[in-house]
């Protein structure tokens, strides 16, 4: 799976259903490229398109249970990889990481805000 596909699934998991144009802007790709990507992920059973209850003209891309499961599995694999690597650090290095956690959390929040773009 491409990084853009994985990032798009993670965005849908984090923010809920989105328009293709919004997803394209968040992921930094063109609308036609996102349309093609969504089509492939739809054929793979990872996403589905649904109508927007608030605006019948709009179609939203939604994560399926298979897509949500993929995101959870990928995140868990990342957690296990970090656990293994952190286990190889010295005590001082682990303390330095713990001290850096507030700054890292803030960076993640800022990045998330940038990726989500304007609110609907």
PDB file of N, CA and C in Angstrom:
ATOM      1  N   UNK A   1       0.840  -1.180   0.000  1.00  0.00           N
ATOM      2  CA  UNK A   1       0.000   0.000   0.000  1.00  0.00           C
ATOM      3  C   UNK A   1       0.885   1.242   0.000  1.00  0.00           C
ATOM      4  N   UNK A   2       0.498   2.232  -0.773  1.00  0.00           N
ATOM      5  CA  UNK A   2       1.291   3.461  -0.862  1.00  0.00           C
ATOM      6  C   UNK A   2       1.165   4.267   0.431  1.00  0.00           C
ATOM      7  N   UNK A   3       2.123   5.151   0.631  1.00  0.00           N
ATOM      8  CA  UNK A   3       2.074   6.026   1.802  1.00  0.00           C
ATOM      9  C   UNK A   3       0.844   6.920   1.756  1.00  0.00           C
ATOM     10  N   UNK A   4       0.479   7.393   0.571  1.00  0.00           N
ATOM     11  CA  UNK A   4      -0.698   8.248   0.451  1.00  0.00           C
ATOM     12  C   UNK A   4      -1.968   7.479   0.797  1.00  0.00           C
ATOM     13  N   UNK A   5      -2.053   6.227   0.379  1.00  0.00           N
ATOM     14  CA  UNK A   5      -3.210   5.401   0.723  1.00  0.00           C
ATOM     15  C   UNK A   5      -3.306   5.213   2.229  1.00  0.00           C
ATOM     16  N   UNK A   6      -2.184   4.855   2.845  1.00  0.00           N
ATOM     17  CA  UNK A   6      -2.166   4.647   4.290  1.00  0.00           C
ATOM     18  C   UNK A   6      -2.494   5.940   5.034  1.00  0.00           C
ATOM     19  N   UNK A   7      -1.951   7.057   4.566  1.00  0.00           N
ATOM     20  CA  UNK A   7      -2.225   8.345   5.200  1.00  0.00           C
ATOM     21  C   UNK A   7      -3.690   8.728   5.042  1.00  0.00           C
ATOM     22  N   UNK A   8      -4.278   8.433   3.894  1.00  0.00           N
ATOM     23  CA  UNK A   8      -5.690   8.742   3.661  1.00  0.00           C
ATOM     24  C   UNK A   8      -6.575   7.916   4.584  1.00  0.00           C
ATOM     25  N   UNK A   9      -6.261   6.646   4.741  1.00  0.00           N
ATOM     26  CA  UNK A   9      -7.020   5.803   5.668  1.00  0.00           C
ATOM     27  C   UNK A   9      -6.895   6.325   7.088  1.00  0.00           C
ATOM     28  N   UNK A  10      -5.691   6.726   7.481  1.00  0.00           N
ATOM     29  CA  UNK A  10      -5.488   7.262   8.828  1.00  0.00           C
ATOM     30  C   UNK A  10      -6.263   8.564   9.021  1.00  0.00           C
ATOM     31  N   UNK A  11      -6.302   9.407   8.001  1.00  0.00           N
ATOM     32  CA  UNK A  11      -7.073  10.650   8.077  1.00  0.00           C
ATOM     33  C   UNK A  11      -8.552  10.347   8.268  1.00  0.00           C
ATOM     34  N   UNK A  12      -9.079   9.411   7.495  1.00  0.00           N
ATOM     35  CA  UNK A  12     -10.494   9.040   7.640  1.00  0.00           C
ATOM     36  C   UNK A  12     -10.774   8.454   9.018  1.00  0.00           C
ATOM     37  N   UNK A  13      -9.841   7.685   9.537  1.00  0.00           N
ATOM     38  CA  UNK A  13     -10.012   7.108  10.868  1.00  0.00           C
ATOM     39  C   UNK A  13     -10.026   8.199  11.928  1.00  0.00           C
ATOM     40  N   UNK A  14      -9.167   9.187  11.768  1.00  0.00           N
ATOM     41  CA  UNK A  14      -9.016  10.263  12.739  1.00  0.00           C
ATOM     42  C   UNK A  14     -10.143  11.293  12.654  1.00  0.00           C
ATOM     43  N   UNK A  15     -10.593  11.608  11.431  1.00  0.00           N
ATOM     44  CA  UNK A  15     -11.512  12.736  11.255  1.00  0.00           C
ATOM     45  C   UNK A  15     -12.919  12.340  10.836  1.00  0.00           C
ATOM     46  N   UNK A  16     -13.108  11.089  10.434  1.00  0.00           N
ATOM     47  CA  UNK A  16     -14.418  10.657   9.959  1.00  0.00           C
ATOM     48  C   UNK A  16     -14.561  10.905   8.467  1.00  0.00           C
ATOM     49  N   UNK A  17     -15.756  10.657   7.943  1.00  0.00           N
ATOM     50  CA  UNK A  17     -16.009  10.777   6.499  1.00  0.00           C
ATOM     51  C   UNK A  17     -15.639  12.161   5.962  1.00  0.00           C
ATOM     52  N   UNK A  18     -15.078  12.167   4.752  1.00  0.00           N
ATOM     53  CA  UNK A  18     -14.655  13.419   4.122  1.00  0.00           C
ATOM     54  C   UNK A  18     -14.979  13.398   2.638  1.00  0.00           C
ATOM     55  N   UNK A  19     -15.096  14.576   2.065  1.00  0.00           N
ATOM     56  CA  UNK A  19     -15.227  14.718   0.625  1.00  0.00           C
ATOM     57  C   UNK A  19     -13.888  14.409  -0.034  1.00  0.00           C
ATOM     58  N   UNK A  20     -13.946  13.949  -1.265  1.00  0.00           N
ATOM     59  CA  UNK A  20     -12.708  13.671  -2.000  1.00  0.00           C
ATOM     60  C   UNK A  20     -11.860  14.929  -2.123  1.00  0.00           C
ATOM     61  N   UNK A  21     -12.470  16.060  -2.374  1.00  0.00           N
ATOM     62  CA  UNK A  21     -11.703  17.306  -2.505  1.00  0.00           C
ATOM     63  C   UNK A  21     -10.988  17.649  -1.201  1.00  0.00           C
ATOM     64  N   UNK A  22     -11.631  17.413  -0.065  1.00  0.00           N
ATOM     65  CA  UNK A  22     -10.995  17.661   1.235  1.00  0.00           C
ATOM     66  C   UNK A  22      -9.824  16.706   1.447  1.00  0.00           C
ATOM     67  N   UNK A  23     -10.039  15.437   1.126  1.00  0.00           N
ATOM     68  CA  UNK A  23      -8.962  14.452   1.273  1.00  0.00           C
ATOM     69  C   UNK A  23      -7.763  14.815   0.402  1.00  0.00           C
ATOM     70  N   UNK A  24      -8.036  15.253  -0.817  1.00  0.00           N
ATOM     71  CA  UNK A  24      -6.950  15.636  -1.725  1.00  0.00           C
ATOM     72  C   UNK A  24      -6.145  16.788  -1.127  1.00  0.00           C
ATOM     73  N   UNK A  25      -6.831  17.770  -0.588  1.00  0.00           N
ATOM     74  CA  UNK A  25      -6.138  18.918   0.005  1.00  0.00           C
ATOM     75  C   UNK A  25      -5.318  18.496   1.225  1.00  0.00           C
ATOM     76  N   UNK A  26      -5.902  17.678   2.082  1.00  0.00           N
ATOM     77  CA  UNK A  26      -5.213  17.234   3.295  1.00  0.00           C
ATOM     78  C   UNK A  26      -3.973  16.413   2.956  1.00  0.00           C
ATOM     79  N   UNK A  27      -4.089  15.543   1.955  1.00  0.00           N
ATOM     80  CA  UNK A  27      -2.976  14.654   1.601  1.00  0.00           C
ATOM     81  C   UNK A  27      -2.013  15.273   0.597  1.00  0.00           C
ATOM     82  N   UNK A  28      -2.345  16.458   0.096  1.00  0.00           N
ATOM     83  CA  UNK A  28      -1.437  17.160  -0.808  1.00  0.00           C
ATOM     84  C   UNK A  28      -1.346  16.552  -2.196  1.00  0.00           C
ATOM     85  N   UNK A  29      -2.474  16.034  -2.688  1.00  0.00           N
ATOM     86  CA  UNK A  29      -2.516  15.480  -4.044  1.00  0.00           C
ATOM     87  C   UNK A  29      -3.641  16.163  -4.816  1.00  0.00           C
ATOM     88  N   UNK A  30      -3.681  15.946  -6.115  1.00  0.00           N
ATOM     89  CA  UNK A  30      -4.750  16.534  -6.924  1.00  0.00           C
ATOM     90  C   UNK A  30      -6.059  15.784  -6.690  1.00  0.00           C
ATOM     91  N   UNK A  31      -7.147  16.444  -7.013  1.00  0.00           N
ATOM     92  CA  UNK A  31      -8.454  15.811  -6.870  1.00  0.00           C
ATOM     93  C   UNK A  31      -8.584  14.578  -7.774  1.00  0.00           C
ATOM     94  N   UNK A  32      -8.113  14.633  -9.044  1.00  0.00           N
ATOM     95  CA  UNK A  32      -8.187  13.427  -9.871  1.00  0.00           C
ATOM     96  C   UNK A  32      -7.359  12.266  -9.305  1.00  0.00           C
ATOM     97  N   UNK A  33      -6.192  12.584  -8.736  1.00  0.00           N
ATOM     98  CA  UNK A  33      -5.359  11.534  -8.140  1.00  0.00           C
ATOM     99  C   UNK A  33      -6.065  10.912  -6.938  1.00  0.00           C
ATOM    100  N   UNK A  34      -6.717  11.748  -6.109  1.00  0.00           N
ATOM    101  CA  UNK A  34      -7.438  11.219  -4.947  1.00  0.00           C
ATOM    102  C   UNK A  34      -8.639  10.402  -5.394  1.00  0.00           C
ATOM    103  N   UNK A  35      -9.316  10.824  -6.447  1.00  0.00           N
ATOM    104  CA  UNK A  35     -10.446  10.062  -6.972  1.00  0.00           C
ATOM    105  C   UNK A  35      -9.995   8.670  -7.394  1.00  0.00           C
ATOM    106  N   UNK A  36      -8.873   8.596  -8.091  1.00  0.00           N
ATOM    107  CA  UNK A  36      -8.338   7.293  -8.513  1.00  0.00           C
ATOM    108  C   UNK A  36      -7.934   6.457  -7.302  1.00  0.00           C
ATOM    109  N   UNK A  37      -7.313   7.078  -6.328  1.00  0.00           N
ATOM    110  CA  UNK A  37      -6.884   6.371  -5.113  1.00  0.00           C
ATOM    111  C   UNK A  37      -8.095   5.832  -4.353  1.00  0.00           C
ATOM    112  N   UNK A  38      -9.115   6.652  -4.214  1.00  0.00           N
ATOM    113  CA  UNK A  38     -10.336   6.216  -3.518  1.00  0.00           C
ATOM    114  C   UNK A  38     -10.977   5.054  -4.273  1.00  0.00           C
ATOM    115  N   UNK A  39     -10.977   5.115  -5.585  1.00  0.00           N
ATOM    116  CA  UNK A  39     -11.551   4.029  -6.389  1.00  0.00           C
ATOM    117  C   UNK A  39     -10.833   2.703  -6.095  1.00  0.00           C
ATOM    118  N   UNK A  40      -9.501   2.741  -6.043  1.00  0.00           N
ATOM    119  CA  UNK A  40      -8.722   1.531  -5.758  1.00  0.00           C
ATOM    120  C   UNK A  40      -9.015   1.030  -4.339  1.00  0.00           C
ATOM    121  N   UNK A  41      -9.040   1.948  -3.382  1.00  0.00           N
ATOM    122  CA  UNK A  41      -9.310   1.538  -1.993  1.00  0.00           C
ATOM    123  C   UNK A  41     -10.745   1.034  -1.834  1.00  0.00           C
ATOM    124  N   UNK A  42     -11.651   1.591  -2.618  1.00  0.00           N
ATOM    125  CA  UNK A  42     -13.045   1.129  -2.608  1.00  0.00           C
ATOM    126  C   UNK A  42     -13.128  -0.297  -3.157  1.00  0.00           C
ATOM    127  N   UNK A  43     -12.429  -0.567  -4.242  1.00  0.00           N
ATOM    128  CA  UNK A  43     -12.404  -1.913  -4.824  1.00  0.00           C
ATOM    129  C   UNK A  43     -11.759  -2.926  -3.874  1.00  0.00           C
ATOM    130  N   UNK A  44     -10.849  -2.443  -3.022  1.00  0.00           N
ATOM    131  CA  UNK A  44     -10.187  -3.305  -2.034  1.00  0.00           C
ATOM    132  C   UNK A  44     -11.027  -3.485  -0.774  1.00  0.00           C
ATOM    133  N   UNK A  45     -12.144  -2.768  -0.693  1.00  0.00           N
ATOM    134  CA  UNK A  45     -13.018  -2.897   0.470  1.00  0.00           C
ATOM    135  C   UNK A  45     -12.589  -2.087   1.683  1.00  0.00           C
ATOM    136  N   UNK A  46     -11.665  -1.137   1.502  1.00  0.00           N
ATOM    137  CA  UNK A  46     -11.168  -0.351   2.630  1.00  0.00           C
ATOM    138  C   UNK A  46     -11.986   0.909   2.894  1.00  0.00           C
ATOM    139  N   UNK A  47     -12.620   1.436   1.849  1.00  0.00           N
ATOM    140  CA  UNK A  47     -13.477   2.621   1.980  1.00  0.00           C
ATOM    141  C   UNK A  47     -14.752   2.397   1.181  1.00  0.00           C
ATOM    142  N   UNK A  48     -15.735   3.229   1.464  1.00  0.00           N
ATOM    143  CA  UNK A  48     -16.970   3.237   0.675  1.00  0.00           C
ATOM    144  C   UNK A  48     -17.446   4.675   0.549  1.00  0.00           C
ATOM    145  N   UNK A  49     -18.260   4.908  -0.448  1.00  0.00           N
ATOM    146  CA  UNK A  49     -18.825   6.246  -0.653  1.00  0.00           C
ATOM    147  C   UNK A  49     -20.261   6.230  -0.161  1.00  0.00           C
ATOM    148  N   UNK A  50     -20.615   7.307   0.547  1.00  0.00           N
ATOM    149  CA  UNK A  50     -21.976   7.457   1.073  1.00  0.00           C
ATOM    150  C   UNK A  50     -22.444   8.885   0.823  1.00  0.00           C
ATOM    151  N   UNK A  51     -23.751   9.027   0.750  1.00  0.00           N
ATOM    152  CA  UNK A  51     -24.316  10.360   0.624  1.00  0.00           C
ATOM    153  C   UNK A  51     -24.203  11.115   1.933  1.00  0.00           C
ATOM    154  N   UNK A  52     -24.142  12.426   1.831  1.00  0.00           N
ATOM    155  CA  UNK A  52     -24.091  13.303   2.996  1.00  0.00           C
ATOM    156  C   UNK A  52     -25.523  13.651   3.389  1.00  0.00           C
ATOM    157  N   UNK A  53     -25.886  13.342   4.614  1.00  0.00           N
ATOM    158  CA  UNK A  53     -27.259  13.610   5.079  1.00  0.00           C
ATOM    159  C   UNK A  53     -27.597  15.103   5.042  1.00  0.00           C
ATOM    160  N   UNK A  54     -26.592  15.956   5.270  1.00  0.00           N
ATOM    161  CA  UNK A  54     -26.854  17.393   5.325  1.00  0.00           C
ATOM    162  C   UNK A  54     -26.892  18.047   3.945  1.00  0.00           C
ATOM    163  N   UNK A  55     -26.360  17.378   2.932  1.00  0.00           N
ATOM    164  CA  UNK A  55     -26.343  17.925   1.575  1.00  0.00           C
ATOM    165  C   UNK A  55     -26.379  16.747   0.594  1.00  0.00           C
ATOM    166  N   UNK A  56     -27.526  16.494   0.046  1.00  0.00           N
ATOM    167  CA  UNK A  56     -27.728  15.316  -0.813  1.00  0.00           C
ATOM    168  C   UNK A  56     -26.882  15.332  -2.081  1.00  0.00           C
ATOM    169  N   UNK A  57     -26.304  16.490  -2.427  1.00  0.00           N
ATOM    170  CA  UNK A  57     -25.457  16.574  -3.616  1.00  0.00           C
ATOM    171  C   UNK A  57     -24.050  16.046  -3.360  1.00  0.00           C
ATOM    172  N   UNK A  58     -23.690  15.876  -2.101  1.00  0.00           N
ATOM    173  CA  UNK A  58     -22.319  15.551  -1.705  1.00  0.00           C
ATOM    174  C   UNK A  58     -22.159  14.056  -1.442  1.00  0.00           C
ATOM    175  N   UNK A  59     -21.024  13.532  -1.872  1.00  0.00           N
ATOM    176  CA  UNK A  59     -20.657  12.157  -1.561  1.00  0.00           C
ATOM    177  C   UNK A  59     -19.445  12.196  -0.631  1.00  0.00           C
ATOM    178  N   UNK A  60     -19.514  11.415   0.429  1.00  0.00           N
ATOM    179  CA  UNK A  60     -18.429  11.338   1.402  1.00  0.00           C
ATOM    180  C   UNK A  60     -17.716   9.996   1.283  1.00  0.00           C
ATOM    181  N   UNK A  61     -16.423  10.000   1.506  1.00  0.00           N
ATOM    182  CA  UNK A  61     -15.637   8.775   1.553  1.00  0.00           C
ATOM    183  C   UNK A  61     -15.584   8.351   3.019  1.00  0.00           C
ATOM    184  N   UNK A  62     -15.958   7.096   3.281  1.00  0.00           N
ATOM    185  CA  UNK A  62     -16.022   6.574   4.644  1.00  0.00           C
ATOM    186  C   UNK A  62     -15.139   5.337   4.766  1.00  0.00           C
ATOM    187  N   UNK A  63     -14.555   5.176   5.920  1.00  0.00           N
ATOM    188  CA  UNK A  63     -13.759   3.994   6.220  1.00  0.00           C
ATOM    189  C   UNK A  63     -14.693   2.807   6.456  1.00  0.00           C
ATOM    190  N   UNK A  64     -14.385   1.673   5.877  1.00  0.00           N
ATOM    191  CA  UNK A  64     -15.142   0.450   6.170  1.00  0.00           C
ATOM    192  C   UNK A  64     -14.512  -0.217   7.394  1.00  0.00           C
ATOM    193  N   UNK A  65     -15.127  -1.263   7.896  1.00  0.00           N
ATOM    194  CA  UNK A  65     -14.539  -2.002   9.017  1.00  0.00           C
ATOM    195  C   UNK A  65     -13.183  -2.577   8.608  1.00  0.00           C
ATOM    196  N   UNK A  66     -13.056  -3.048   7.368  1.00  0.00           N
ATOM    197  CA  UNK A  66     -11.767  -3.566   6.897  1.00  0.00           C
ATOM    198  C   UNK A  66     -10.711  -2.456   6.886  1.00  0.00           C
ATOM    199  N   UNK A  67     -11.104  -1.260   6.481  1.00  0.00           N
ATOM    200  CA  UNK A  67     -10.172  -0.131   6.483  1.00  0.00           C
ATOM    201  C   UNK A  67      -9.762   0.255   7.895  1.00  0.00           C
ATOM    202  N   UNK A  68     -10.726   0.284   8.807  1.00  0.00           N
ATOM    203  CA  UNK A  68     -10.424   0.599  10.209  1.00  0.00           C
ATOM    204  C   UNK A  68      -9.506  -0.460  10.810  1.00  0.00           C
ATOM    205  N   UNK A  69      -9.751  -1.713  10.463  1.00  0.00           N
ATOM    206  CA  UNK A  69      -8.914  -2.801  10.954  1.00  0.00           C
ATOM    207  C   UNK A  69      -7.485  -2.655  10.432  1.00  0.00           C
ATOM    208  N   UNK A  70      -7.340  -2.276   9.163  1.00  0.00           N
ATOM    209  CA  UNK A  70      -6.017  -2.065   8.589  1.00  0.00           C
ATOM    210  C   UNK A  70      -5.272  -0.969   9.350  1.00  0.00           C
ATOM    211  N   UNK A  71      -5.967   0.141   9.630  1.00  0.00           N
ATOM    212  CA  UNK A  71      -5.334   1.253  10.353  1.00  0.00           C
ATOM    213  C   UNK A  71      -4.904   0.787  11.749  1.00  0.00           C
ATOM    214  N   UNK A  72      -5.775   0.080  12.461  1.00  0.00           N
ATOM    215  CA  UNK A  72      -5.431  -0.414  13.807  1.00  0.00           C
ATOM    216  C   UNK A  72      -4.225  -1.351  13.755  1.00  0.00           C
ATOM    217  N   UNK A  73      -4.201  -2.260  12.788  1.00  0.00           N
ATOM    218  CA  UNK A  73      -3.095  -3.207  12.665  1.00  0.00           C
ATOM    219  C   UNK A  73      -1.787  -2.487  12.375  1.00  0.00           C
ATOM    220  N   UNK A  74      -1.837  -1.510  11.495  1.00  0.00           N
ATOM    221  CA  UNK A  74      -0.634  -0.744  11.136  1.00  0.00           C
ATOM    222  C   UNK A  74      -0.120   0.051  12.338  1.00  0.00           C
ATOM    223  N   UNK A  75      -1.035   0.658  13.082  1.00  0.00           N
ATOM    224  CA  UNK A  75      -0.621   1.407  14.279  1.00  0.00           C
ATOM    225  C   UNK A  75      -0.014   0.480  15.321  1.00  0.00           C
ATOM    226  N   UNK A  76      -0.626  -0.666  15.514  1.00  0.00           N
ATOM    227  CA  UNK A  76      -0.118  -1.623  16.498  1.00  0.00           C
ATOM    228  C   UNK A  76       1.270  -2.116  16.115  1.00  0.00           C
ATOM    229  N   UNK A  77       1.498  -2.326  14.829  1.00  0.00           N
ATOM    230  CA  UNK A  77       2.831  -2.736  14.374  1.00  0.00           C
ATOM    231  C   UNK A  77       3.855  -1.646  14.688  1.00  0.00           C
ATOM    232  N   UNK A  78       3.468  -0.394  14.516  1.00  0.00           N
ATOM    233  CA  UNK A  78       4.364   0.714  14.853  1.00  0.00           C
ATOM    234  C   UNK A  78       4.668   0.765  16.340  1.00  0.00           C
ATOM    235  N   UNK A  79       3.645   0.517  17.156  1.00  0.00           N
ATOM    236  CA  UNK A  79       3.838   0.494  18.608  1.00  0.00           C
ATOM    237  C   UNK A  79       4.825  -0.601  18.989  1.00  0.00           C
ATOM    238  N   UNK A  80       4.654  -1.787  18.433  1.00  0.00           N
ATOM    239  CA  UNK A  80       5.561  -2.896  18.740  1.00  0.00           C
ATOM    240  C   UNK A  80       6.994  -2.595  18.311  1.00  0.00           C
ATOM    241  N   UNK A  81       7.146  -1.955  17.162  1.00  0.00           N
ATOM    242  CA  UNK A  81       8.487  -1.609  16.683  1.00  0.00           C
ATOM    243  C   UNK A  81       9.152  -0.622  17.642  1.00  0.00           C
ATOM    244  N   UNK A  82       8.410   0.385  18.086  1.00  0.00           N
ATOM    245  CA  UNK A  82       8.980   1.346  19.028  1.00  0.00           C
ATOM    246  C   UNK A  82       9.277   0.707  20.379  1.00  0.00           C
ATOM    247  N   UNK A  83       8.400  -0.173  20.843  1.00  0.00           N
ATOM    248  CA  UNK A  83       8.662  -0.863  22.111  1.00  0.00           C
ATOM    249  C   UNK A  83       9.981  -1.626  22.047  1.00  0.00           C
ATOM    250  N   UNK A  84      10.180  -2.327  20.959  1.00  0.00           N
ATOM    251  CA  UNK A  84      11.405  -3.107  20.800  1.00  0.00           C
ATOM    252  C   UNK A  84      12.620  -2.188  20.784  1.00  0.00           C
ATOM    253  N   UNK A  85      12.539  -1.103  20.031  1.00  0.00           N
ATOM    254  CA  UNK A  85      13.673  -0.190  19.928  1.00  0.00           C
ATOM    255  C   UNK A  85      13.945   0.545  21.240  1.00  0.00           C
ATOM    256  N   UNK A  86      12.899   0.972  21.922  1.00  0.00           N
ATOM    257  CA  UNK A  86      13.078   1.665  23.204  1.00  0.00           C
ATOM    258  C   UNK A  86      13.718   0.727  24.221  1.00  0.00           C
ATOM    259  N   UNK A  87      13.405  -0.550  24.122  1.00  0.00           N
ATOM    260  CA  UNK A  87      14.012  -1.537  25.015  1.00  0.00           C
ATOM    261  C   UNK A  87      15.517  -1.633  24.864  1.00  0.00           C
ATOM    262  N   UNK A  88      16.060  -1.147  23.765  1.00  0.00           N
ATOM    263  CA  UNK A  88      17.501  -1.191  23.517  1.00  0.00           C
ATOM    264  C   UNK A  88      18.218   0.079  23.969  1.00  0.00           C
ATOM    265  N   UNK A  89      17.474   1.066  24.464  1.00  0.00           N
ATOM    266  CA  UNK A  89      18.087   2.323  24.902  1.00  0.00           C
ATOM    267  C   UNK A  89      18.591   2.210  26.340  1.00  0.00           C
ATOM    268  N   UNK A  90      19.512   3.121  26.683  1.00  0.00           N
ATOM    269  CA  UNK A  90      19.988   3.204  28.068  1.00  0.00           C
ATOM    270  C   UNK A  90      18.929   3.913  28.916  1.00  0.00           C
ATOM    271  N   UNK A  91      19.077   3.816  30.209  1.00  0.00           N
ATOM    272  CA  UNK A  91      18.152   4.502  31.121  1.00  0.00           C
ATOM    273  C   UNK A  91      18.127   6.002  30.894  1.00  0.00           C
ATOM    274  N   UNK A  92      19.297   6.601  30.694  1.00  0.00           N
ATOM    275  CA  UNK A  92      19.369   8.047  30.439  1.00  0.00           C
ATOM    276  C   UNK A  92      18.654   8.417  29.144  1.00  0.00           C
ATOM    277  N   UNK A  93      18.791   7.582  28.129  1.00  0.00           N
ATOM    278  CA  UNK A  93      18.122   7.858  26.847  1.00  0.00           C
ATOM    279  C   UNK A  93      16.608   7.754  26.990  1.00  0.00           C
ATOM    280  N   UNK A  94      16.140   6.786  27.760  1.00  0.00           N
ATOM    281  CA  UNK A  94      14.697   6.653  27.999  1.00  0.00           C
ATOM    282  C   UNK A  94      14.182   7.871  28.756  1.00  0.00           C
ATOM    283  N   UNK A  95      14.932   8.332  29.763  1.00  0.00           N
ATOM    284  CA  UNK A  95      14.536   9.535  30.512  1.00  0.00           C
ATOM    285  C   UNK A  95      14.473  10.751  29.594  1.00  0.00           C
ATOM    286  N   UNK A  96      15.414  10.862  28.673  1.00  0.00           N
ATOM    287  CA  UNK A  96      15.406  11.986  27.725  1.00  0.00           C
ATOM    288  C   UNK A  96      14.169  11.936  26.837  1.00  0.00           C
ATOM    289  N   UNK A  97      13.787  10.743  26.410  1.00  0.00           N
ATOM    290  CA  UNK A  97      12.563  10.604  25.606  1.00  0.00           C
ATOM    291  C   UNK A  97      11.331  10.995  26.410  1.00  0.00           C
ATOM    292  N   UNK A  98      11.259  10.540  27.641  1.00  0.00           N
ATOM    293  CA  UNK A  98      10.115  10.873  28.500  1.00  0.00           C
ATOM    294  C   UNK A  98      10.024  12.386  28.684  1.00  0.00           C
ATOM    295  N   UNK A  99      11.168  13.039  28.899  1.00  0.00           N
ATOM    296  CA  UNK A  99      11.181  14.493  29.070  1.00  0.00           C
ATOM    297  C   UNK A  99      10.729  15.212  27.791  1.00  0.00           C
ATOM    298  N   UNK A 100      10.974  14.600  26.643  1.00  0.00           N
ATOM    299  CA  UNK A 100      10.614  15.229  25.360  1.00  0.00           C
ATOM    300  C   UNK A 100       9.160  14.978  24.958  1.00  0.00           C
ATOM    301  N   UNK A 101       8.456  14.105  25.666  1.00  0.00           N
ATOM    302  CA  UNK A 101       7.096  13.740  25.262  1.00  0.00           C
ATOM    303  C   UNK A 101       6.141  14.927  25.133  1.00  0.00           C
ATOM    304  N   UNK A 102       6.111  15.882  26.066  1.00  0.00           N
ATOM    305  CA  UNK A 102       5.192  17.016  25.875  1.00  0.00           C
ATOM    306  C   UNK A 102       5.450  17.783  24.569  1.00  0.00           C
ATOM    307  N   UNK A 103       6.714  18.012  24.236  1.00  0.00           N
ATOM    308  CA  UNK A 103       7.035  18.722  22.991  1.00  0.00           C
ATOM    309  C   UNK A 103       6.649  17.888  21.776  1.00  0.00           C
ATOM    310  N   UNK A 104       6.887  16.573  21.839  1.00  0.00           N
ATOM    311  CA  UNK A 104       6.514  15.699  20.724  1.00  0.00           C
ATOM    312  C   UNK A 104       5.003  15.654  20.543  1.00  0.00           C
ATOM    313  N   UNK A 105       4.276  15.621  21.648  1.00  0.00           N
ATOM    314  CA  UNK A 105       2.806  15.626  21.568  1.00  0.00           C
ATOM    315  C   UNK A 105       2.324  16.919  20.915  1.00  0.00           C
ATOM    316  N   UNK A 106       2.915  18.044  21.292  1.00  0.00           N
ATOM    317  CA  UNK A 106       2.532  19.314  20.694  1.00  0.00           C
ATOM    318  C   UNK A 106       2.830  19.334  19.197  1.00  0.00           C
ATOM    319  N   UNK A 107       3.983  18.804  18.796  1.00  0.00           N
ATOM    320  CA  UNK A 107       4.306  18.717  17.368  1.00  0.00           C
ATOM    321  C   UNK A 107       3.261  17.889  16.622  1.00  0.00           C
ATOM    322  N   UNK A 108       2.861  16.770  17.196  1.00  0.00           N
ATOM    323  CA  UNK A 108       1.857  15.918  16.556  1.00  0.00           C
ATOM    324  C   UNK A 108       0.532  16.655  16.414  1.00  0.00           C
ATOM    325  N   UNK A 109       0.158  17.428  17.422  1.00  0.00           N
ATOM    326  CA  UNK A 109      -1.084  18.207  17.353  1.00  0.00           C
ATOM    327  C   UNK A 109      -1.009  19.255  16.248  1.00  0.00           C
ATOM    328  N   UNK A 110       0.128  19.931  16.152  1.00  0.00           N
ATOM    329  CA  UNK A 110       0.301  20.937  15.100  1.00  0.00           C
ATOM    330  C   UNK A 110       0.244  20.304  13.718  1.00  0.00           C
ATOM    331  N   UNK A 111       0.913  19.161  13.555  1.00  0.00           N
ATOM    332  CA  UNK A 111       0.909  18.469  12.266  1.00  0.00           C
ATOM    333  C   UNK A 111      -0.496  18.022  11.908  1.00  0.00           C
ATOM    334  N   UNK A 112      -1.224  17.522  12.892  1.00  0.00           N
ATOM    335  CA  UNK A 112      -2.597  17.072  12.653  1.00  0.00           C
ATOM    336  C   UNK A 112      -3.481  18.227  12.200  1.00  0.00           C
ATOM    337  N   UNK A 113      -3.325  19.374  12.826  1.00  0.00           N
ATOM    338  CA  UNK A 113      -4.104  20.554  12.432  1.00  0.00           C
ATOM    339  C   UNK A 113      -3.779  20.954  11.002  1.00  0.00           C
ATOM    340  N   UNK A 114      -2.495  20.915  10.638  1.00  0.00           N
ATOM    341  CA  UNK A 114      -2.089  21.258   9.270  1.00  0.00           C
ATOM    342  C   UNK A 114      -2.694  20.298   8.266  1.00  0.00           C
ATOM    343  N   UNK A 115      -2.662  18.987   8.573  1.00  0.00           N
ATOM    344  CA  UNK A 115      -3.148  17.962   7.644  1.00  0.00           C
ATOM    345  C   UNK A 115      -4.667  18.012   7.503  1.00  0.00           C
ATOM    346  N   UNK A 116      -5.379  18.346   8.566  1.00  0.00           N
ATOM    347  CA  UNK A 116      -6.836  18.343   8.509  1.00  0.00           C
ATOM    348  C   UNK A 116      -7.361  19.519   7.689  1.00  0.00           C
ATOM    349  N   UNK A 117      -6.597  20.564   7.614  1.00  0.00           N
ATOM    350  CA  UNK A 117      -7.022  21.697   6.809  1.00  0.00           C
ATOM    351  C   UNK A 117      -8.226  22.380   7.417  1.00  0.00           C
ATOM    352  N   UNK A 118      -8.944  23.159   6.603  1.00  0.00           N
ATOM    353  CA  UNK A 118     -10.096  23.891   7.126  1.00  0.00           C
ATOM    354  C   UNK A 118     -11.208  22.950   7.577  1.00  0.00           C
ATOM    355  N   UNK A 119     -11.847  23.340   8.646  1.00  0.00           N
ATOM    356  CA  UNK A 119     -12.974  22.561   9.179  1.00  0.00           C
ATOM    357  C   UNK A 119     -14.208  22.777   8.319  1.00  0.00           C
ATOM    358  N   UNK A 120     -15.051  21.735   8.249  1.00  0.00           N
ATOM    359  CA  UNK A 120     -16.297  21.861   7.473  1.00  0.00           C
ATOM    360  C   UNK A 120     -17.374  22.487   8.310  1.00  0.00           C
TER     361      UNK A 120
END
